[in-house]
Amino acid sequence: MPVLAAIAVLALLIVVHELGHFLAARLQGIHVNRFSIGFGPVLLRRQGSQTEYAIRAFPLGGFVGFPDDDPDSDIPEDDPDLLRNRPILDRAIVMSAGVIANLLFAYFVLALQLGVTGVPADFNYEPGVAIPQVISTDSPAAEAGMRSGDVVLKVGGQQLEASGESILRFKEAIEESAGEPLEIVVERNSTIVPLTVTPEADSEGQGKIGVQLAPNGTPVYRRPDGLVQIVTMAADRFQNILVGTVSGFYQLITNFQETAGQLAGPVKIVEQGARVAQSDAPSLFVFAAVISINLAIINILPLPALDGGQLAFLLLEGMRGKPVPTHIQDGVMQSGLILLLGLGIFLIVRDTVQLEVFQQFNR
């Protein structure tokens, strides 16, 4: 069930993104002839009055198709409601609508969570520090045998108490032990596991092991004071996630060699979502918001086959006063699509091999 919940979240986010493009076109009266979730062979198809709706074999995204270049279309080439015959602004609205839809959906989900589960009022701390994620397989934590979902109970022989200060104590112990073995004790599936991790030094000489940290325990919620509090808190959370995500992408681009291992494909995302759904179902709202914002930012990047790539061509058209030749656009987009699909398949294979279940099977 947790895996199905995570897959359902990803599918919903893809639908939201493509629905943004679809509605932006239809509300402007622009012809749309295809609405597909996934790529490749068609599994399910339904023909509407104007549009074919389909679910395809490879769930690595989706697309909204237009009849502009469809040789089987009976719409005249000079029809003003073809996408290519619309002004640049109309087309830009269509191309950016998927990103806008994902951002709006993320905010809506965060507000919905506050309305359903309530606002944080307190936190019931338990001993230790939770490790939601080991960032990469070649990090010191992974090499020491730490796994996502572990709870660190002791570091350097010192017990981590049920307190909000435990994370600070754990971070200080790691930062002060750069290049030196550090004994830790973790709890994993009700089993106590002693480990030895050797933090690596960062540019400032402080130790790091490559994990995310979270307080161990459960939050306590209360009913929100009113709609204003929900709207305000949702906006604050949305801003924090958005700024953090943009910062993460900036670090990925500027320091790709060290951060490339943090790239996650669909398998890894589903694994993380399943873990969230199993441990704290309400947090699935936040998971959906985070992935939706990530999807928006990825798609706005000026890369071939993404929305940002299409917008880049529109910008060039506005600067040149005429469109970039069709054969150049098609070549760039097709090459980009092949590269993105190749990256997607690579990430799926890599993340599948790294799954704990897969590794246990191969022992």
Protein backbone atom coordinates (compact mmCIF):
# COMPACT_ATOMS: atom_id res chain seq x y z
CA MET A 1 0.00 0.00 0.00
CA PRO A 2 2.73 2.60 0.78
CA VAL A 3 4.35 1.95 -2.63
CA LEU A 4 0.99 2.32 -4.38
CA ALA A 5 0.38 5.58 -2.51
CA ALA A 6 3.74 6.97 -3.66
CA ILE A 7 3.11 5.90 -7.27
CA ALA A 8 -0.34 7.49 -7.12
CA VAL A 9 1.22 10.78 -5.97
CA LEU A 10 3.69 10.77 -8.88
CA ALA A 11 0.94 9.95 -11.38
CA LEU A 12 -1.23 12.74 -9.98
CA LEU A 13 1.60 15.27 -10.32
CA ILE A 14 2.14 14.30 -13.96
CA VAL A 15 -1.59 14.69 -14.62
CA VAL A 16 -1.59 18.10 -12.92
CA HIS A 17 1.36 19.27 -15.04
CA GLU A 18 -0.11 18.15 -18.35
CA LEU A 19 -3.55 19.39 -17.36
CA GLY A 20 -2.02 22.84 -16.94
CA HIS A 21 -0.84 22.82 -20.57
CA PHE A 22 -4.14 21.36 -21.76
CA LEU A 23 -6.39 23.87 -19.99
CA ALA A 24 -4.21 26.84 -20.95
CA ALA A 25 -4.61 25.85 -24.59
CA ARG A 26 -8.30 24.94 -24.53
CA LEU A 27 -9.31 28.05 -22.58
CA GLN A 28 -7.68 30.12 -25.32
CA GLY A 29 -9.47 28.14 -28.02
CA ILE A 30 -6.27 26.50 -29.27
CA HIS A 31 -6.65 23.09 -30.91
CA VAL A 32 -5.38 20.11 -28.86
CA ASN A 33 -5.47 16.62 -30.34
CA ARG A 34 -3.62 14.51 -27.73
CA PHE A 35 -3.42 14.27 -23.95
CA SER A 36 -1.09 11.46 -22.88
CA ILE A 37 0.31 10.27 -19.58
CA GLY A 38 3.57 8.44 -20.24
CA PHE A 39 5.45 7.74 -23.47
CA GLY A 40 5.70 4.86 -25.91
CA PRO A 41 2.99 2.31 -26.85
CA VAL A 42 -0.59 3.13 -25.91
CA LEU A 43 -2.09 0.99 -23.14
CA LEU A 44 -5.47 2.71 -22.83
CA ARG A 45 -7.06 5.15 -25.25
CA ARG A 46 -10.25 7.19 -25.34
CA GLN A 47 -11.18 9.44 -28.23
CA GLY A 48 -13.04 12.60 -27.27
CA SER A 49 -14.76 15.03 -29.58
CA GLN A 50 -11.49 16.91 -30.24
CA THR A 51 -8.79 15.17 -28.23
CA GLU A 52 -7.40 11.66 -27.82
CA TYR A 53 -6.75 10.77 -24.16
CA ALA A 54 -4.20 7.99 -23.57
CA ILE A 55 -2.11 6.19 -20.96
CA ARG A 56 1.19 4.92 -22.36
CA ALA A 57 3.68 2.23 -21.41
CA PHE A 58 6.58 4.27 -19.98
CA PRO A 59 5.43 6.46 -17.06
CA LEU A 60 8.35 8.92 -17.23
CA GLY A 61 6.17 11.96 -17.84
CA GLY A 62 3.51 12.87 -20.35
CA PHE A 63 2.66 15.29 -23.13
CA VAL A 64 -0.06 17.40 -24.69
CA GLY A 65 -0.10 17.11 -28.48
CA PHE A 66 -1.18 19.73 -31.00
CA PRO A 67 -2.33 19.11 -34.58
CA ASP A 68 0.04 21.72 -36.07
CA ASP A 69 2.41 19.14 -37.55
CA ASP A 70 0.06 16.15 -37.67
CA PRO A 71 -0.06 14.95 -41.29
CA ASP A 72 -3.43 13.29 -40.64
CA SER A 73 -5.04 16.48 -39.34
CA ASP A 74 -7.76 18.02 -41.49
CA ILE A 75 -7.35 21.46 -39.92
CA PRO A 76 -6.16 24.07 -42.49
CA GLU A 77 -2.57 25.24 -41.99
CA ASP A 78 -3.70 28.87 -41.77
CA ASP A 79 -6.26 28.17 -39.02
CA PRO A 80 -5.76 30.95 -36.40
CA ASP A 81 -6.45 28.46 -33.60
CA LEU A 82 -3.42 26.32 -34.38
CA LEU A 83 -0.78 26.81 -31.70
CA ARG A 84 1.92 27.92 -34.13
CA ASN A 85 -0.36 30.65 -35.55
CA ARG A 86 -0.98 32.26 -32.17
CA PRO A 87 0.98 35.25 -30.85
CA ILE A 88 4.11 34.54 -28.81
CA LEU A 89 2.38 35.49 -25.55
CA ASP A 90 -0.43 32.95 -26.11
CA ARG A 91 2.10 30.21 -26.81
CA ALA A 92 4.23 31.21 -23.81
CA ILE A 93 1.17 30.90 -21.57
CA VAL A 94 0.57 27.37 -22.86
CA MET A 95 4.22 26.34 -22.46
CA SER A 96 4.55 27.71 -18.93
CA ALA A 97 1.14 26.54 -17.68
CA GLY A 98 2.41 23.11 -16.60
CA VAL A 99 5.01 24.68 -14.32
CA ILE A 100 2.44 27.11 -12.90
CA ALA A 101 0.00 24.25 -12.31
CA ASN A 102 2.61 22.28 -10.34
CA LEU A 103 3.48 25.30 -8.19
CA LEU A 104 -0.18 26.08 -7.47
CA PHE A 105 -0.86 22.43 -6.70
CA ALA A 106 2.08 22.33 -4.25
CA TYR A 107 0.69 25.32 -2.36
CA PHE A 108 -2.81 23.81 -2.37
CA VAL A 109 -1.49 20.51 -0.97
CA LEU A 110 0.39 22.28 1.83
CA ALA A 111 -2.73 24.27 2.75
CA LEU A 112 -4.83 21.11 2.60
CA GLN A 113 -2.46 19.31 4.98
CA LEU A 114 -2.72 22.13 7.52
CA GLY A 115 -6.50 22.06 7.21
CA VAL A 116 -6.76 18.28 7.56
CA THR A 117 -4.04 17.41 10.10
CA GLY A 118 -3.87 20.76 11.91
CA VAL A 119 -0.93 23.03 12.68
CA PRO A 120 2.12 21.91 14.70
CA ALA A 121 1.68 22.51 18.43
CA ASP A 122 4.40 20.38 20.02
CA PHE A 123 6.73 17.44 19.40
CA ASN A 124 6.99 14.21 21.37
CA TYR A 125 10.72 13.55 21.30
CA GLU A 126 12.13 10.04 21.51
CA PRO A 127 15.80 9.14 22.08
CA GLY A 128 18.09 9.47 19.09
CA VAL A 129 18.30 11.26 15.75
CA ALA A 130 16.41 10.00 12.69
CA ILE A 131 18.16 9.52 9.32
CA PRO A 132 15.45 10.06 6.66
CA GLN A 133 17.93 9.59 3.81
CA VAL A 134 21.50 8.53 3.11
CA ILE A 135 22.24 10.90 0.25
CA SER A 136 24.53 8.78 -1.94
CA THR A 137 25.98 5.29 -2.05
CA ASP A 138 29.58 6.55 -1.95
CA SER A 139 29.10 8.80 1.09
CA PRO A 140 30.93 7.98 4.36
CA ALA A 141 27.58 7.06 5.92
CA ALA A 142 26.75 4.55 3.18
CA GLU A 143 30.25 3.06 3.29
CA ALA A 144 29.88 2.62 7.05
CA GLY A 145 26.63 0.70 6.56
CA MET A 146 24.10 3.38 7.51
CA ARG A 147 20.71 3.16 5.79
CA SER A 148 17.79 5.48 5.26
CA GLY A 149 15.36 5.03 8.12
CA ASP A 150 18.03 4.37 10.77
CA VAL A 151 17.85 6.10 14.16
CA VAL A 152 21.20 7.07 15.69
CA LEU A 153 21.07 6.33 19.43
CA LYS A 154 24.70 6.92 20.40
CA VAL A 155 27.63 8.85 18.96
CA GLY A 156 31.15 8.58 20.38
CA GLY A 157 29.83 6.58 23.31
CA GLN A 158 27.38 9.35 24.30
CA GLN A 159 23.63 8.67 24.41
CA LEU A 160 21.47 10.98 22.31
CA GLU A 161 18.61 11.89 24.60
CA ALA A 162 14.96 12.56 23.77
CA SER A 163 15.52 16.24 23.05
CA GLY A 164 15.64 18.78 20.27
CA GLU A 165 19.31 19.30 21.14
CA SER A 166 20.26 15.79 19.98
CA ILE A 167 20.59 16.84 16.34
CA LEU A 168 23.02 19.62 17.29
CA ARG A 169 25.07 17.22 19.43
CA PHE A 170 25.22 14.69 16.58
CA LYS A 171 26.23 17.35 14.02
CA GLU A 172 28.95 18.69 16.31
CA ALA A 173 30.35 15.19 16.85
CA ILE A 174 30.47 14.63 13.07
CA GLU A 175 31.99 18.04 12.30
CA GLU A 176 34.72 17.61 14.93
CA SER A 177 35.72 14.13 13.68
CA ALA A 178 36.86 14.87 10.12
CA GLY A 179 39.10 12.01 8.97
CA GLU A 180 38.79 10.17 12.28
CA PRO A 181 36.75 6.98 12.94
CA LEU A 182 33.65 7.68 15.01
CA GLU A 183 31.68 4.98 16.78
CA ILE A 184 27.91 5.23 16.47
CA VAL A 185 25.01 2.97 17.40
CA VAL A 186 21.84 2.90 15.32
CA GLU A 187 18.47 1.26 15.71
CA ARG A 188 17.19 -0.45 12.58
CA ASN A 189 13.90 -2.35 12.54
CA SER A 190 14.05 -2.76 16.35
CA THR A 191 17.62 -4.11 16.08
CA ILE A 192 20.66 -2.39 17.61
CA VAL A 193 23.52 -2.08 15.09
CA PRO A 194 26.98 -0.70 16.04
CA LEU A 195 28.79 1.08 13.19
CA THR A 196 32.01 3.01 12.60
CA VAL A 197 31.86 6.03 10.30
CA THR A 198 34.76 8.20 9.20
CA PRO A 199 33.54 11.71 8.30
CA GLU A 200 35.21 13.35 5.33
CA ALA A 201 36.38 16.95 5.56
CA ASP A 202 34.56 19.65 3.63
CA SER A 203 36.15 22.84 2.24
CA GLU A 204 36.17 24.35 5.74
CA GLY A 205 37.75 21.29 7.35
CA GLN A 206 34.56 20.19 9.10
CA GLY A 207 33.41 16.57 8.96
CA LYS A 208 30.40 15.41 6.98
CA ILE A 209 28.96 11.95 6.33
CA GLY A 210 26.24 12.60 3.70
CA VAL A 211 22.91 12.10 5.46
CA GLN A 212 19.75 14.06 6.16
CA LEU A 213 18.88 14.54 9.82
CA ALA A 214 15.52 14.84 11.56
CA PRO A 215 14.35 14.76 15.16
CA ASN A 216 13.19 11.35 16.31
CA GLY A 217 9.60 11.33 17.52
CA THR A 218 6.12 12.37 16.47
CA PRO A 219 4.65 15.85 16.05
CA VAL A 220 1.55 16.97 17.95
CA TYR A 221 -1.04 18.97 16.01
CA ARG A 222 -3.88 21.28 16.99
CA ARG A 223 -6.79 22.76 15.11
CA PRO A 224 -5.79 25.90 13.16
CA ASP A 225 -7.07 29.25 14.40
CA GLY A 226 -8.68 30.00 11.07
CA LEU A 227 -8.29 30.26 7.31
CA VAL A 228 -5.81 33.13 7.59
CA GLN A 229 -3.40 31.00 9.63
CA ILE A 230 -3.67 28.13 7.13
CA VAL A 231 -3.02 30.44 4.16
CA THR A 232 -0.09 32.16 5.90
CA MET A 233 1.58 28.99 7.15
CA ALA A 234 1.14 27.29 3.77
CA ALA A 235 2.78 30.28 2.09
CA ASP A 236 5.73 30.15 4.50
CA ARG A 237 6.21 26.41 3.93
CA PHE A 238 5.86 26.83 0.17
CA GLN A 239 8.51 29.57 0.17
CA ASN A 240 10.92 27.51 2.27
CA ILE A 241 10.57 24.45 0.02
CA LEU A 242 10.88 26.55 -3.15
CA VAL A 243 13.98 28.41 -1.96
CA GLY A 244 15.57 25.20 -0.71
CA THR A 245 14.85 23.41 -3.99
CA VAL A 246 16.26 26.25 -6.13
CA SER A 247 19.34 26.32 -3.91
CA GLY A 248 19.72 22.56 -4.33
CA PHE A 249 19.55 22.82 -8.13
CA TYR A 250 22.09 25.67 -8.07
CA GLN A 251 24.50 23.52 -6.06
CA LEU A 252 23.88 20.60 -8.42
CA ILE A 253 24.73 22.74 -11.46
CA THR A 254 27.74 24.55 -9.95
CA ASN A 255 29.18 21.52 -8.15
CA PHE A 256 27.95 18.68 -10.31
CA GLN A 257 30.83 16.28 -9.62
CA GLU A 258 30.09 16.14 -5.89
CA THR A 259 26.30 16.37 -6.05
CA ALA A 260 25.50 14.16 -9.07
CA GLY A 261 24.97 11.19 -6.77
CA GLN A 262 21.98 13.01 -5.27
CA LEU A 263 20.01 12.76 -8.53
CA ALA A 264 16.99 10.54 -7.97
CA GLY A 265 14.92 8.73 -10.56
CA PRO A 266 11.34 7.45 -10.35
CA VAL A 267 12.32 4.30 -8.42
CA LYS A 268 14.15 6.27 -5.72
CA ILE A 269 11.33 8.80 -5.47
CA VAL A 270 8.76 6.01 -5.06
CA GLU A 271 10.95 4.35 -2.43
CA GLN A 272 11.19 7.58 -0.46
CA GLY A 273 7.47 8.24 -0.84
CA ALA A 274 6.63 4.73 0.33
CA ARG A 275 8.82 5.20 3.40
CA VAL A 276 7.03 8.48 4.16
CA ALA A 277 3.59 6.92 3.68
CA GLN A 278 4.47 4.01 5.95
CA SER A 279 5.98 6.03 8.78
CA ASP A 280 3.84 9.17 8.75
CA ALA A 281 0.93 9.21 6.28
CA PRO A 282 0.11 12.95 6.73
CA SER A 283 3.67 13.75 5.60
CA LEU A 284 2.69 12.38 2.19
CA PHE A 285 1.15 15.82 1.62
CA VAL A 286 4.56 17.44 2.07
CA PHE A 287 6.16 14.76 -0.11
CA ALA A 288 3.69 15.60 -2.90
CA ALA A 289 4.40 19.33 -2.53
CA VAL A 290 8.18 18.85 -2.61
CA ILE A 291 8.06 16.62 -5.71
CA SER A 292 5.60 18.99 -7.42
CA ILE A 293 7.92 21.95 -6.87
CA ASN A 294 10.90 19.90 -8.08
CA LEU A 295 8.95 18.93 -11.19
CA ALA A 296 8.13 22.59 -11.86
CA ILE A 297 11.74 23.74 -11.51
CA ILE A 298 13.10 20.91 -13.66
CA ASN A 299 10.63 21.71 -16.43
CA ILE A 300 11.40 25.43 -16.44
CA LEU A 301 15.11 24.81 -17.07
CA PRO A 302 16.06 25.86 -20.63
CA LEU A 303 16.84 22.32 -21.74
CA PRO A 304 15.69 20.54 -24.91
CA ALA A 305 12.38 18.64 -24.67
CA LEU A 306 11.41 20.53 -21.50
CA ASP A 307 9.03 23.47 -21.16
CA GLY A 308 11.99 25.76 -20.58
CA GLY A 309 13.46 24.68 -23.90
CA GLN A 310 10.23 25.60 -25.69
CA LEU A 311 10.17 28.97 -23.93
CA ALA A 312 13.79 29.54 -24.99
CA PHE A 313 12.77 29.06 -28.63
CA LEU A 314 9.92 31.55 -28.14
CA LEU A 315 12.39 34.05 -26.67
CA LEU A 316 14.67 33.60 -29.69
CA GLU A 317 11.67 34.08 -31.97
CA GLY A 318 10.81 37.34 -30.22
CA MET A 319 14.41 38.57 -30.57
CA ARG A 320 14.78 37.49 -34.23
CA GLY A 321 11.31 38.56 -35.32
CA LYS A 322 10.72 35.13 -36.86
CA PRO A 323 10.59 31.53 -35.61
CA VAL A 324 13.67 29.32 -35.42
CA PRO A 325 13.49 26.95 -38.43
CA THR A 326 11.27 23.96 -37.74
CA HIS A 327 13.91 21.37 -38.63
CA ILE A 328 16.30 22.88 -36.07
CA GLN A 329 13.64 22.92 -33.35
CA ASP A 330 12.65 19.33 -34.12
CA GLY A 331 16.27 18.14 -34.12
CA VAL A 332 17.06 19.80 -30.81
CA MET A 333 13.87 18.57 -29.15
CA GLN A 334 14.22 14.99 -30.39
CA SER A 335 17.85 14.84 -29.28
CA GLY A 336 16.87 16.24 -25.90
CA LEU A 337 14.07 13.73 -25.53
CA ILE A 338 16.41 10.83 -26.25
CA LEU A 339 18.91 12.14 -23.70
CA LEU A 340 16.22 12.63 -21.04
CA LEU A 341 14.78 9.17 -21.62
CA GLY A 342 18.29 7.71 -21.46
CA LEU A 343 18.92 9.52 -18.18
CA GLY A 344 15.58 8.31 -16.85
CA ILE A 345 16.36 4.68 -17.72
CA PHE A 346 19.85 5.00 -16.19
CA LEU A 347 18.40 6.38 -12.94
CA ILE A 348 15.76 3.64 -12.84
CA VAL A 349 18.39 0.92 -13.22
CA ARG A 350 20.78 2.55 -10.73
CA ASP A 351 18.12 3.16 -8.10
CA THR A 352 16.69 -0.35 -8.52
CA VAL A 353 20.12 -1.89 -7.95
CA GLN A 354 20.51 0.26 -4.84
CA LEU A 355 17.16 -0.77 -3.35
CA GLU A 356 17.60 -2.56 -0.04
CA VAL A 357 15.34 -5.41 -1.17
CA PHE A 358 17.40 -5.89 -4.34
CA GLN A 359 20.68 -5.86 -2.41
CA GLN A 360 19.39 -8.39 0.11
CA PHE A 361 18.26 -10.65 -2.75
CA ASN A 362 21.76 -10.59 -4.23
CA ARG A 363 23.60 -11.40 -1.00
